[in-house]
Amino acid sequence: MRKGGVKLKPFSEPGKISDTILMLDAYGWKTSKTTSSYVILGEKVALIEPAHRSSAEKVVEGLKNFNVNLNKVFYILVSHRHFDHSAGGPSLLKYLPNAVIGAHLYRMESLEKMLNYDLEIVSFAHFGGVIGKDVNEVIRLAIETLEDWKSIAENVWETSKDISDLAKKLGEKYQEKLEVFPKQVRGFIFQILATGLANSLFQRK
């Protein structure tokens, strides 16, 4: 598959990418097909991207489904500090007795803090390299948008308390603004956002 001259290879289901590489559904934000963990198979198995804090059990389930011996997982490798990519690391340690977490020094400082207590984390955005006068504008728009999402969520929760209703309401207002994602997946993205809002605002488990 090519797009703009770039080779793309989508994988719709978890499983073997090659003889030595395995993709797992990490159930980011407790939702299937949002984030993936990758497994490098061998004498010493490496897990790349431990995903969200709530993903640990699903990642372990995936390892078992593909007959990966948990005692042979020696490395949990973290790419960067965003919680939906890294926070599952400490949670996985109790299932993988021989594993150690490998990460950059600065990322490791945050992971160490998470080893001793449980966090409820909701992340609404990943900001890249924002500099100069754009910083204030990004912050202003983020706060404005979050306040609007909060208002929409509270209105829905007063009536139906339904995640699908909340996703629909968010989509009605923000469908065209979510240009970074293809139209065919925007409904799925709003379902994730609605779940995160409900978990955060209404302590929904």
N, C-alpha and C. Protein backbone atom coordinates (compact mmCIF):
# COMPACT_ATOMS: atom_id res chain seq x y z
N MET A 1 0.84 -1.20 0.00
CA MET A 1 0.00 0.00 0.00
C MET A 1 0.88 1.24 0.00
N ARG A 2 0.55 2.21 -0.89
CA ARG A 2 1.32 3.45 -0.96
C ARG A 2 0.42 4.65 -0.80
N LYS A 3 0.92 5.66 -0.13
CA LYS A 3 0.21 6.93 -0.01
C LYS A 3 1.22 8.05 -0.09
N GLY A 4 1.10 8.86 -1.13
CA GLY A 4 2.06 9.94 -1.32
C GLY A 4 3.47 9.45 -1.53
N GLY A 5 3.62 8.26 -2.13
CA GLY A 5 4.95 7.72 -2.38
C GLY A 5 5.56 6.99 -1.20
N VAL A 6 4.82 6.94 -0.07
CA VAL A 6 5.33 6.28 1.13
C VAL A 6 4.71 4.90 1.25
N LYS A 7 5.53 3.89 1.52
CA LYS A 7 5.02 2.53 1.70
C LYS A 7 4.35 2.39 3.06
N LEU A 8 3.12 1.88 3.06
CA LEU A 8 2.38 1.64 4.28
C LEU A 8 1.96 0.18 4.34
N LYS A 9 2.02 -0.41 5.52
CA LYS A 9 1.56 -1.80 5.67
C LYS A 9 0.66 -1.88 6.90
N PRO A 10 -0.66 -1.74 6.70
CA PRO A 10 -1.58 -1.78 7.85
C PRO A 10 -1.82 -3.21 8.32
N PHE A 11 -2.00 -3.37 9.63
CA PHE A 11 -2.33 -4.66 10.22
C PHE A 11 -3.63 -4.48 10.98
N SER A 12 -4.68 -5.15 10.53
CA SER A 12 -6.00 -4.94 11.13
C SER A 12 -6.24 -5.79 12.37
N GLU A 13 -5.50 -6.86 12.52
CA GLU A 13 -5.70 -7.77 13.65
C GLU A 13 -4.35 -8.10 14.30
N PRO A 14 -4.36 -8.36 15.61
CA PRO A 14 -3.11 -8.77 16.27
C PRO A 14 -2.62 -10.09 15.72
N GLY A 15 -1.31 -10.27 15.80
CA GLY A 15 -0.74 -11.53 15.31
C GLY A 15 0.68 -11.33 14.85
N LYS A 16 1.21 -12.34 14.16
CA LYS A 16 2.60 -12.29 13.71
C LYS A 16 2.76 -11.39 12.50
N ILE A 17 3.69 -10.45 12.60
CA ILE A 17 4.06 -9.60 11.47
C ILE A 17 5.15 -10.31 10.67
N SER A 18 6.01 -11.01 11.38
CA SER A 18 7.05 -11.84 10.77
C SER A 18 7.34 -12.99 11.73
N ASP A 19 8.33 -13.80 11.42
CA ASP A 19 8.66 -14.92 12.29
C ASP A 19 9.13 -14.47 13.67
N THR A 20 9.62 -13.25 13.76
CA THR A 20 10.20 -12.78 15.03
C THR A 20 9.51 -11.55 15.60
N ILE A 21 8.46 -11.06 14.93
CA ILE A 21 7.77 -9.85 15.40
C ILE A 21 6.28 -10.14 15.54
N LEU A 22 5.74 -9.77 16.70
CA LEU A 22 4.35 -10.02 17.02
C LEU A 22 3.68 -8.70 17.40
N MET A 23 2.46 -8.46 16.92
CA MET A 23 1.71 -7.28 17.31
C MET A 23 0.56 -7.68 18.22
N LEU A 24 0.42 -6.98 19.35
CA LEU A 24 -0.66 -7.24 20.31
C LEU A 24 -1.60 -6.05 20.36
N ASP A 25 -2.87 -6.31 20.57
CA ASP A 25 -3.85 -5.25 20.82
C ASP A 25 -3.74 -4.87 22.29
N ALA A 26 -3.30 -3.63 22.56
CA ALA A 26 -3.06 -3.21 23.94
C ALA A 26 -4.28 -2.56 24.60
N TYR A 27 -5.38 -2.43 23.87
CA TYR A 27 -6.61 -1.87 24.45
C TYR A 27 -6.34 -0.55 25.18
N GLY A 28 -5.75 0.42 24.48
CA GLY A 28 -5.55 1.73 25.09
C GLY A 28 -6.87 2.36 25.49
N TRP A 29 -6.90 3.01 26.65
CA TRP A 29 -8.13 3.61 27.17
C TRP A 29 -9.26 2.58 27.26
N LYS A 30 -8.88 1.32 27.51
CA LYS A 30 -9.83 0.21 27.64
C LYS A 30 -10.66 0.00 26.38
N THR A 31 -10.09 0.32 25.22
CA THR A 31 -10.80 0.22 23.96
C THR A 31 -9.94 -0.53 22.95
N SER A 32 -10.52 -1.52 22.30
CA SER A 32 -9.78 -2.34 21.34
C SER A 32 -9.34 -1.53 20.12
N LYS A 33 -8.19 -1.90 19.58
CA LYS A 33 -7.64 -1.34 18.34
C LYS A 33 -7.38 0.17 18.41
N THR A 34 -6.91 0.61 19.57
CA THR A 34 -6.49 2.01 19.70
C THR A 34 -4.97 2.12 19.78
N THR A 35 -4.34 1.19 20.49
CA THR A 35 -2.89 1.19 20.62
C THR A 35 -2.37 -0.25 20.50
N SER A 36 -1.13 -0.37 20.12
CA SER A 36 -0.52 -1.70 19.96
C SER A 36 0.77 -1.81 20.74
N SER A 37 1.06 -3.02 21.19
CA SER A 37 2.36 -3.36 21.74
C SER A 37 3.02 -4.33 20.77
N TYR A 38 4.34 -4.27 20.68
CA TYR A 38 5.06 -5.14 19.75
C TYR A 38 6.02 -6.03 20.53
N VAL A 39 6.13 -7.26 20.07
CA VAL A 39 6.96 -8.26 20.75
C VAL A 39 8.03 -8.74 19.79
N ILE A 40 9.28 -8.65 20.25
CA ILE A 40 10.40 -9.21 19.50
C ILE A 40 10.70 -10.58 20.09
N LEU A 41 10.45 -11.62 19.31
CA LEU A 41 10.60 -12.99 19.81
C LEU A 41 12.05 -13.45 19.71
N GLY A 42 12.43 -14.35 20.61
CA GLY A 42 13.78 -14.88 20.62
C GLY A 42 14.04 -15.54 21.95
N GLU A 43 15.30 -15.86 22.20
CA GLU A 43 15.65 -16.50 23.48
C GLU A 43 15.30 -15.60 24.65
N LYS A 44 15.53 -14.30 24.47
CA LYS A 44 15.10 -13.29 25.44
C LYS A 44 14.12 -12.36 24.74
N VAL A 45 12.86 -12.45 25.14
CA VAL A 45 11.79 -11.71 24.47
C VAL A 45 11.78 -10.26 24.93
N ALA A 46 11.52 -9.35 23.98
CA ALA A 46 11.40 -7.92 24.29
C ALA A 46 10.00 -7.45 23.93
N LEU A 47 9.39 -6.70 24.84
CA LEU A 47 8.09 -6.08 24.59
C LEU A 47 8.31 -4.59 24.38
N ILE A 48 7.87 -4.07 23.24
CA ILE A 48 8.06 -2.66 22.91
C ILE A 48 6.72 -1.95 22.99
N GLU A 49 6.68 -0.85 23.71
CA GLU A 49 5.48 -0.05 23.94
C GLU A 49 4.51 -0.78 24.88
N PRO A 50 4.67 -0.62 26.19
CA PRO A 50 3.78 -1.28 27.15
C PRO A 50 2.39 -0.66 27.23
N ALA A 51 2.19 0.48 26.55
CA ALA A 51 0.88 1.13 26.43
C ALA A 51 0.40 1.72 27.76
N HIS A 52 -0.91 1.87 27.86
CA HIS A 52 -1.54 2.58 28.98
C HIS A 52 -1.51 1.76 30.26
N ARG A 53 -1.66 2.44 31.37
CA ARG A 53 -1.69 1.77 32.68
C ARG A 53 -2.75 0.68 32.74
N SER A 54 -3.88 0.90 32.08
CA SER A 54 -4.97 -0.07 32.12
C SER A 54 -4.78 -1.21 31.13
N SER A 55 -3.68 -1.19 30.36
CA SER A 55 -3.48 -2.17 29.29
C SER A 55 -2.80 -3.46 29.74
N ALA A 56 -2.22 -3.48 30.92
CA ALA A 56 -1.35 -4.59 31.32
C ALA A 56 -2.01 -5.96 31.17
N GLU A 57 -3.22 -6.12 31.68
CA GLU A 57 -3.86 -7.43 31.64
C GLU A 57 -4.13 -7.87 30.20
N LYS A 58 -4.50 -6.92 29.34
CA LYS A 58 -4.75 -7.26 27.93
C LYS A 58 -3.45 -7.63 27.22
N VAL A 59 -2.37 -6.94 27.55
CA VAL A 59 -1.08 -7.27 26.95
C VAL A 59 -0.65 -8.67 27.38
N VAL A 60 -0.80 -8.97 28.65
CA VAL A 60 -0.45 -10.31 29.16
C VAL A 60 -1.34 -11.36 28.50
N GLU A 61 -2.62 -11.07 28.37
CA GLU A 61 -3.54 -11.99 27.71
C GLU A 61 -3.09 -12.26 26.27
N GLY A 62 -2.65 -11.19 25.59
CA GLY A 62 -2.15 -11.34 24.22
C GLY A 62 -0.91 -12.20 24.16
N LEU A 63 0.00 -12.01 25.09
CA LEU A 63 1.21 -12.83 25.14
C LEU A 63 0.85 -14.31 25.30
N LYS A 64 -0.08 -14.58 26.20
CA LYS A 64 -0.49 -15.97 26.44
C LYS A 64 -1.18 -16.55 25.21
N ASN A 65 -2.03 -15.73 24.56
CA ASN A 65 -2.74 -16.22 23.37
C ASN A 65 -1.80 -16.66 22.26
N PHE A 66 -0.64 -16.02 22.20
CA PHE A 66 0.32 -16.37 21.16
C PHE A 66 1.48 -17.20 21.72
N ASN A 67 1.20 -17.83 22.88
CA ASN A 67 2.12 -18.82 23.47
C ASN A 67 3.51 -18.26 23.77
N VAL A 68 3.54 -17.02 24.22
CA VAL A 68 4.80 -16.43 24.66
C VAL A 68 4.97 -16.72 26.15
N ASN A 69 6.05 -17.36 26.51
CA ASN A 69 6.34 -17.69 27.91
C ASN A 69 6.65 -16.40 28.67
N LEU A 70 5.82 -16.08 29.67
CA LEU A 70 6.00 -14.84 30.42
C LEU A 70 7.35 -14.77 31.12
N ASN A 71 7.89 -15.91 31.47
CA ASN A 71 9.20 -15.94 32.14
C ASN A 71 10.36 -15.61 31.20
N LYS A 72 10.07 -15.64 29.88
CA LYS A 72 11.12 -15.36 28.90
C LYS A 72 11.09 -13.91 28.40
N VAL A 73 10.17 -13.11 28.96
CA VAL A 73 10.14 -11.68 28.61
C VAL A 73 11.14 -10.98 29.53
N PHE A 74 12.24 -10.50 28.95
CA PHE A 74 13.31 -9.90 29.73
C PHE A 74 13.35 -8.38 29.62
N TYR A 75 12.69 -7.83 28.59
CA TYR A 75 12.78 -6.38 28.39
C TYR A 75 11.40 -5.79 28.09
N ILE A 76 11.09 -4.69 28.75
CA ILE A 76 9.93 -3.86 28.42
C ILE A 76 10.51 -2.52 27.98
N LEU A 77 10.42 -2.22 26.71
CA LEU A 77 11.10 -1.05 26.14
C LEU A 77 10.10 0.06 25.85
N VAL A 78 10.41 1.25 26.35
CA VAL A 78 9.53 2.41 26.24
C VAL A 78 10.15 3.42 25.29
N SER A 79 9.36 3.90 24.33
CA SER A 79 9.90 4.85 23.34
C SER A 79 9.92 6.29 23.86
N HIS A 80 8.84 6.70 24.55
CA HIS A 80 8.78 8.08 25.03
C HIS A 80 7.79 8.18 26.19
N ARG A 81 7.66 9.37 26.76
CA ARG A 81 7.02 9.50 28.06
C ARG A 81 5.51 9.65 28.04
N HIS A 82 4.85 9.73 26.90
CA HIS A 82 3.40 9.83 26.90
C HIS A 82 2.79 8.62 27.61
N PHE A 83 1.82 8.87 28.47
CA PHE A 83 1.32 7.81 29.34
C PHE A 83 0.63 6.68 28.58
N ASP A 84 0.05 6.97 27.41
CA ASP A 84 -0.60 5.88 26.67
C ASP A 84 0.43 5.00 25.97
N HIS A 85 1.70 5.37 26.03
CA HIS A 85 2.77 4.55 25.47
C HIS A 85 3.60 3.89 26.56
N SER A 86 3.62 4.47 27.76
CA SER A 86 4.61 4.03 28.75
C SER A 86 4.06 3.59 30.10
N ALA A 87 2.88 4.10 30.48
CA ALA A 87 2.41 3.88 31.85
C ALA A 87 2.13 2.43 32.18
N GLY A 88 1.97 1.59 31.16
CA GLY A 88 1.73 0.17 31.42
C GLY A 88 2.97 -0.58 31.89
N GLY A 89 4.14 0.03 31.73
CA GLY A 89 5.38 -0.64 32.12
C GLY A 89 5.41 -1.14 33.55
N PRO A 90 5.22 -0.25 34.53
CA PRO A 90 5.24 -0.70 35.92
C PRO A 90 4.18 -1.74 36.23
N SER A 91 2.99 -1.61 35.62
CA SER A 91 1.92 -2.58 35.87
C SER A 91 2.28 -3.96 35.33
N LEU A 92 3.06 -4.02 34.26
CA LEU A 92 3.42 -5.30 33.66
C LEU A 92 4.45 -6.06 34.46
N LEU A 93 5.22 -5.36 35.28
CA LEU A 93 6.31 -6.02 36.01
C LEU A 93 5.82 -7.15 36.91
N LYS A 94 4.61 -7.02 37.45
CA LYS A 94 4.13 -8.07 38.36
C LYS A 94 3.76 -9.35 37.60
N TYR A 95 3.56 -9.24 36.29
CA TYR A 95 3.24 -10.42 35.47
C TYR A 95 4.48 -11.01 34.81
N LEU A 96 5.52 -10.20 34.67
CA LEU A 96 6.72 -10.62 33.94
C LEU A 96 7.90 -10.60 34.92
N PRO A 97 8.12 -11.69 35.65
CA PRO A 97 9.05 -11.70 36.77
C PRO A 97 10.51 -11.43 36.41
N ASN A 98 10.90 -11.68 35.16
CA ASN A 98 12.30 -11.50 34.78
C ASN A 98 12.54 -10.23 33.97
N ALA A 99 11.49 -9.45 33.81
CA ALA A 99 11.59 -8.27 32.93
C ALA A 99 12.15 -7.05 33.66
N VAL A 100 12.85 -6.24 32.89
CA VAL A 100 13.27 -4.92 33.35
C VAL A 100 12.75 -3.90 32.33
N ILE A 101 12.53 -2.67 32.80
CA ILE A 101 12.07 -1.61 31.91
C ILE A 101 13.27 -0.85 31.38
N GLY A 102 13.32 -0.72 30.07
CA GLY A 102 14.38 0.05 29.44
C GLY A 102 13.82 1.32 28.83
N ALA A 103 14.41 2.47 29.16
CA ALA A 103 13.93 3.75 28.64
C ALA A 103 15.03 4.79 28.77
N HIS A 104 14.82 5.92 28.12
CA HIS A 104 15.74 7.05 28.28
C HIS A 104 15.74 7.50 29.73
N LEU A 105 16.83 8.07 30.17
CA LEU A 105 16.99 8.51 31.56
C LEU A 105 15.84 9.38 32.03
N TYR A 106 15.42 10.36 31.22
CA TYR A 106 14.37 11.29 31.65
C TYR A 106 13.02 10.58 31.75
N ARG A 107 12.78 9.64 30.86
CA ARG A 107 11.53 8.86 30.91
C ARG A 107 11.51 8.00 32.15
N MET A 108 12.66 7.47 32.53
CA MET A 108 12.77 6.56 33.66
C MET A 108 12.37 7.25 34.97
N GLU A 109 12.66 8.53 35.08
CA GLU A 109 12.30 9.27 36.30
C GLU A 109 10.80 9.24 36.54
N SER A 110 10.01 9.40 35.46
CA SER A 110 8.55 9.36 35.60
C SER A 110 8.07 7.95 35.90
N LEU A 111 8.67 6.96 35.28
CA LEU A 111 8.27 5.57 35.51
C LEU A 111 8.52 5.15 36.95
N GLU A 112 9.62 5.61 37.51
CA GLU A 112 9.94 5.26 38.90
C GLU A 112 8.86 5.77 39.85
N LYS A 113 8.31 6.94 39.56
CA LYS A 113 7.26 7.51 40.41
C LYS A 113 6.00 6.66 40.38
N MET A 114 5.76 5.99 39.25
CA MET A 114 4.54 5.21 39.10
C MET A 114 4.64 3.81 39.69
N LEU A 115 5.82 3.41 40.11
CA LEU A 115 5.98 2.05 40.64
C LEU A 115 5.29 1.86 41.98
N ASN A 116 5.12 2.93 42.74
CA ASN A 116 4.65 2.80 44.11
C ASN A 116 3.23 3.27 44.35
N TYR A 117 2.56 3.80 43.33
CA TYR A 117 1.18 4.17 43.53
C TYR A 117 0.42 4.13 42.21
N ASP A 118 -0.90 4.03 42.35
CA ASP A 118 -1.77 3.86 41.20
C ASP A 118 -2.32 5.22 40.78
N LEU A 119 -2.28 5.52 39.50
CA LEU A 119 -2.75 6.82 39.02
C LEU A 119 -3.95 6.65 38.10
N GLU A 120 -4.89 7.59 38.17
CA GLU A 120 -5.94 7.70 37.18
C GLU A 120 -5.49 8.81 36.23
N ILE A 121 -5.17 8.43 35.01
CA ILE A 121 -4.60 9.40 34.07
C ILE A 121 -5.50 9.53 32.85
N VAL A 122 -5.86 10.74 32.51
CA VAL A 122 -6.58 10.98 31.27
C VAL A 122 -5.79 12.01 30.49
N SER A 123 -5.38 11.66 29.27
CA SER A 123 -4.63 12.59 28.43
C SER A 123 -5.52 13.00 27.26
N PHE A 124 -5.63 14.27 27.02
CA PHE A 124 -6.50 14.75 25.95
C PHE A 124 -5.75 15.11 24.68
N ALA A 125 -4.45 15.34 24.75
CA ALA A 125 -3.75 15.76 23.54
C ALA A 125 -2.27 15.42 23.63
N HIS A 126 -1.66 15.23 22.47
CA HIS A 126 -0.22 15.09 22.36
C HIS A 126 0.28 16.31 21.62
N PHE A 127 0.97 17.19 22.32
CA PHE A 127 1.54 18.36 21.66
C PHE A 127 2.96 18.04 21.21
N GLY A 128 3.24 18.37 19.97
CA GLY A 128 4.58 18.17 19.45
C GLY A 128 5.44 19.37 19.72
N GLY A 129 6.23 19.76 18.74
CA GLY A 129 7.14 20.87 18.92
C GLY A 129 6.46 22.21 18.73
N VAL A 130 5.89 22.75 19.76
CA VAL A 130 5.22 24.06 19.71
C VAL A 130 6.15 25.10 20.32
N ILE A 131 6.44 26.16 19.57
CA ILE A 131 7.38 27.16 20.06
C ILE A 131 6.84 28.56 19.85
N GLY A 132 7.49 29.53 20.51
CA GLY A 132 7.19 30.94 20.31
C GLY A 132 5.76 31.31 20.66
N LYS A 133 5.19 32.21 19.88
CA LYS A 133 3.85 32.73 20.17
C LYS A 133 2.76 31.66 19.99
N ASP A 134 3.11 30.56 19.28
CA ASP A 134 2.13 29.48 19.10
C ASP A 134 1.77 28.80 20.42
N VAL A 135 2.67 28.85 21.40
CA VAL A 135 2.44 28.17 22.67
C VAL A 135 1.18 28.69 23.34
N ASN A 136 1.08 30.03 23.46
CA ASN A 136 -0.09 30.62 24.11
C ASN A 136 -1.38 30.30 23.37
N GLU A 137 -1.30 30.28 22.04
CA GLU A 137 -2.49 30.00 21.24
C GLU A 137 -2.93 28.55 21.41
N VAL A 138 -1.98 27.63 21.44
CA VAL A 138 -2.30 26.21 21.63
C VAL A 138 -2.94 25.99 23.00
N ILE A 139 -2.37 26.61 24.02
CA ILE A 139 -2.91 26.47 25.37
C ILE A 139 -4.32 27.06 25.46
N ARG A 140 -4.51 28.23 24.84
CA ARG A 140 -5.82 28.87 24.86
C ARG A 140 -6.88 27.99 24.20
N LEU A 141 -6.56 27.46 23.04
CA LEU A 141 -7.50 26.61 22.32
C LEU A 141 -7.77 25.30 23.07
N ALA A 142 -6.71 24.75 23.69
CA ALA A 142 -6.87 23.50 24.45
C ALA A 142 -7.83 23.69 25.62
N ILE A 143 -7.65 24.78 26.37
CA ILE A 143 -8.52 25.05 27.52
C ILE A 143 -9.95 25.30 27.06
N GLU A 144 -10.09 26.07 26.00
CA GLU A 144 -11.41 26.39 25.45
C GLU A 144 -12.14 25.11 25.01
N THR A 145 -11.40 24.24 24.32
CA THR A 145 -11.99 23.00 23.83
C THR A 145 -12.36 22.07 24.97
N LEU A 146 -11.47 21.95 25.95
CA LEU A 146 -11.75 21.07 27.08
C LEU A 146 -12.97 21.53 27.88
N GLU A 147 -13.10 22.84 28.04
CA GLU A 147 -14.27 23.37 28.75
C GLU A 147 -15.55 23.04 27.99
N ASP A 148 -15.48 23.13 26.66
CA ASP A 148 -16.66 22.81 25.86
C ASP A 148 -16.98 21.32 25.94
N TRP A 149 -15.95 20.47 25.86
CA TRP A 149 -16.17 19.02 26.01
C TRP A 149 -16.80 18.71 27.36
N LYS A 150 -16.31 19.36 28.40
CA LYS A 150 -16.83 19.15 29.75
C LYS A 150 -18.32 19.52 29.81
N SER A 151 -18.66 20.64 29.19
CA SER A 151 -20.06 21.10 29.19
C SER A 151 -20.95 20.11 28.44
N ILE A 152 -20.49 19.65 27.28
CA ILE A 152 -21.26 18.68 26.51
C ILE A 152 -21.45 17.39 27.31
N ALA A 153 -20.38 16.93 27.94
CA ALA A 153 -20.44 15.69 28.72
C ALA A 153 -21.43 15.81 29.88
N GLU A 154 -21.38 16.92 30.58
CA GLU A 154 -22.28 17.11 31.73
C GLU A 154 -23.73 17.14 31.29
N ASN A 155 -24.00 17.76 30.14
CA ASN A 155 -25.38 17.80 29.62
C ASN A 155 -25.88 16.40 29.28
N VAL A 156 -25.03 15.61 28.63
CA VAL A 156 -25.41 14.24 28.28
C VAL A 156 -25.63 13.41 29.53
N TRP A 157 -24.75 13.59 30.52
CA TRP A 157 -24.82 12.76 31.74
C TRP A 157 -26.06 13.07 32.57
N GLU A 158 -26.61 14.26 32.41
CA GLU A 158 -27.84 14.60 33.13
C GLU A 158 -29.05 13.84 32.59
N THR A 159 -28.94 13.39 31.35
CA THR A 159 -30.08 12.70 30.74
C THR A 159 -29.84 11.20 30.58
N SER A 160 -28.91 10.81 29.70
CA SER A 160 -28.81 9.39 29.35
C SER A 160 -27.68 8.63 30.03
N LYS A 161 -26.62 9.35 30.42
CA LYS A 161 -25.43 8.67 30.97
C LYS A 161 -24.91 7.59 30.00
N ASP A 162 -24.95 7.89 28.72
CA ASP A 162 -24.60 6.92 27.70
C ASP A 162 -23.38 7.39 26.91
N ILE A 163 -22.34 6.53 26.84
CA ILE A 163 -21.10 6.87 26.16
C ILE A 163 -21.35 7.13 24.67
N SER A 164 -22.20 6.33 24.06
CA SER A 164 -22.47 6.50 22.64
C SER A 164 -23.15 7.83 22.35
N ASP A 165 -24.04 8.23 23.25
CA ASP A 165 -24.69 9.54 23.09
C ASP A 165 -23.67 10.67 23.19
N LEU A 166 -22.75 10.53 24.14
CA LEU A 166 -21.71 11.54 24.31
C LEU A 166 -20.81 11.60 23.08
N ALA A 167 -20.43 10.43 22.55
CA ALA A 167 -19.59 10.39 21.35
C ALA A 167 -20.30 11.06 20.17
N LYS A 168 -21.60 10.82 20.05
CA LYS A 168 -22.38 11.41 18.97
C LYS A 168 -22.42 12.93 19.08
N LYS A 169 -22.65 13.43 20.29
CA LYS A 169 -22.72 14.88 20.51
C LYS A 169 -21.38 15.55 20.22
N LEU A 170 -20.29 14.92 20.65
CA LEU A 170 -18.96 15.46 20.36
C LEU A 170 -18.71 15.48 18.85
N GLY A 171 -19.13 14.41 18.18
CA GLY A 171 -18.93 14.31 16.75
C GLY A 171 -19.71 15.35 15.97
N GLU A 172 -20.93 15.63 16.42
CA GLU A 172 -21.76 16.61 15.74
C GLU A 172 -21.09 17.98 15.71
N LYS A 173 -20.37 18.30 16.76
CA LYS A 173 -19.74 19.62 16.84
C LYS A 173 -18.32 19.65 16.30
N TYR A 174 -17.59 18.54 16.47
CA TYR A 174 -16.14 18.57 16.17
C TYR A 174 -15.72 17.67 15.00
N GLN A 175 -16.68 17.04 14.33
CA GLN A 175 -16.35 16.11 13.25
C GLN A 175 -15.43 16.73 12.20
N GLU A 176 -15.78 17.91 11.73
CA GLU A 176 -15.00 18.54 10.66
C GLU A 176 -13.70 19.16 11.17
N LYS A 177 -13.63 19.43 12.46
CA LYS A 177 -12.42 20.05 13.01
C LYS A 177 -11.31 19.02 13.25
N LEU A 178 -11.68 17.75 13.28
CA LEU A 178 -10.70 16.70 13.58
C LEU A 178 -10.02 16.26 12.29
N GLU A 179 -9.40 17.21 11.61
CA GLU A 179 -8.86 16.96 10.29
C GLU A 179 -7.65 16.03 10.28
N VAL A 180 -6.99 15.91 11.42
CA VAL A 180 -5.78 15.09 11.47
C VAL A 180 -6.09 13.61 11.24
N PHE A 181 -7.36 13.20 11.49
CA PHE A 181 -7.75 11.81 11.31
C PHE A 181 -8.63 11.66 10.07
N PRO A 182 -8.51 10.56 9.31
CA PRO A 182 -9.40 10.31 8.17
C PRO A 182 -10.86 10.27 8.64
N LYS A 183 -11.78 10.67 7.76
CA LYS A 183 -13.19 10.73 8.14
C LYS A 183 -13.73 9.39 8.61
N GLN A 184 -13.25 8.30 7.99
CA GLN A 184 -13.80 7.00 8.31
C GLN A 184 -13.46 6.51 9.72
N VAL A 185 -12.48 7.14 10.38
CA VAL A 185 -12.13 6.71 11.73
C VAL A 185 -12.50 7.74 12.80
N ARG A 186 -13.07 8.88 12.39
CA ARG A 186 -13.35 9.92 13.37
C ARG A 186 -14.40 9.49 14.39
N GLY A 187 -15.39 8.70 13.96
CA GLY A 187 -16.38 8.21 14.91
C GLY A 187 -15.74 7.38 16.01
N PHE A 188 -14.77 6.58 15.63
CA PHE A 188 -14.04 5.75 16.58
C PHE A 188 -13.26 6.62 17.56
N ILE A 189 -12.64 7.70 17.03
CA ILE A 189 -11.89 8.61 17.89
C ILE A 189 -12.81 9.27 18.90
N PHE A 190 -14.01 9.68 18.48
CA PHE A 190 -14.95 10.32 19.41
C PHE A 190 -15.43 9.35 20.47
N GLN A 191 -15.52 8.07 20.12
CA GLN A 191 -15.89 7.07 21.12
C GLN A 191 -14.81 6.98 22.20
N ILE A 192 -13.55 7.05 21.80
CA ILE A 192 -12.44 7.04 22.75
C ILE A 192 -12.48 8.28 23.63
N LEU A 193 -12.67 9.45 23.01
CA LEU A 193 -12.73 10.70 23.76
C LEU A 193 -13.88 10.68 24.76
N ALA A 194 -15.02 10.16 24.33
CA ALA A 194 -16.18 10.10 25.21
C ALA A 194 -15.91 9.21 26.42
N THR A 195 -15.26 8.08 26.17
CA THR A 195 -14.91 7.16 27.26
C THR A 195 -13.97 7.83 28.25
N GLY A 196 -12.95 8.52 27.73
CA GLY A 196 -12.01 9.23 28.61
C GLY A 196 -12.67 10.31 29.42
N LEU A 197 -13.57 11.07 28.80
CA LEU A 197 -14.28 12.13 29.52
C LEU A 197 -15.14 11.55 30.63
N ALA A 198 -15.88 10.49 30.31
CA ALA A 198 -16.74 9.87 31.32
C ALA A 198 -15.93 9.32 32.48
N ASN A 199 -14.81 8.65 32.16
CA ASN A 199 -13.96 8.12 33.23
C ASN A 199 -13.42 9.22 34.12
N SER A 200 -13.05 10.33 33.51
CA SER A 200 -12.43 11.43 34.26
C SER A 200 -13.43 12.23 35.06
N LEU A 201 -14.51 12.63 34.41
CA LEU A 201 -15.47 13.54 35.05
C LEU A 201 -16.41 12.85 36.02
N PHE A 202 -16.76 11.61 35.71
CA PHE A 202 -17.80 10.95 36.48
C PHE A 202 -17.30 9.69 37.19
N GLN A 203 -15.96 9.53 37.20
CA GLN A 203 -15.31 8.41 37.88
C GLN A 203 -15.93 7.08 37.47
N ARG A 204 -16.17 6.99 36.17
CA ARG A 204 -16.76 5.77 35.61
C ARG A 204 -15.67 4.74 35.43
N LYS A 205 -15.89 3.53 35.89
CA LYS A 205 -14.89 2.47 35.79
C LYS A 205 -15.26 1.52 34.66
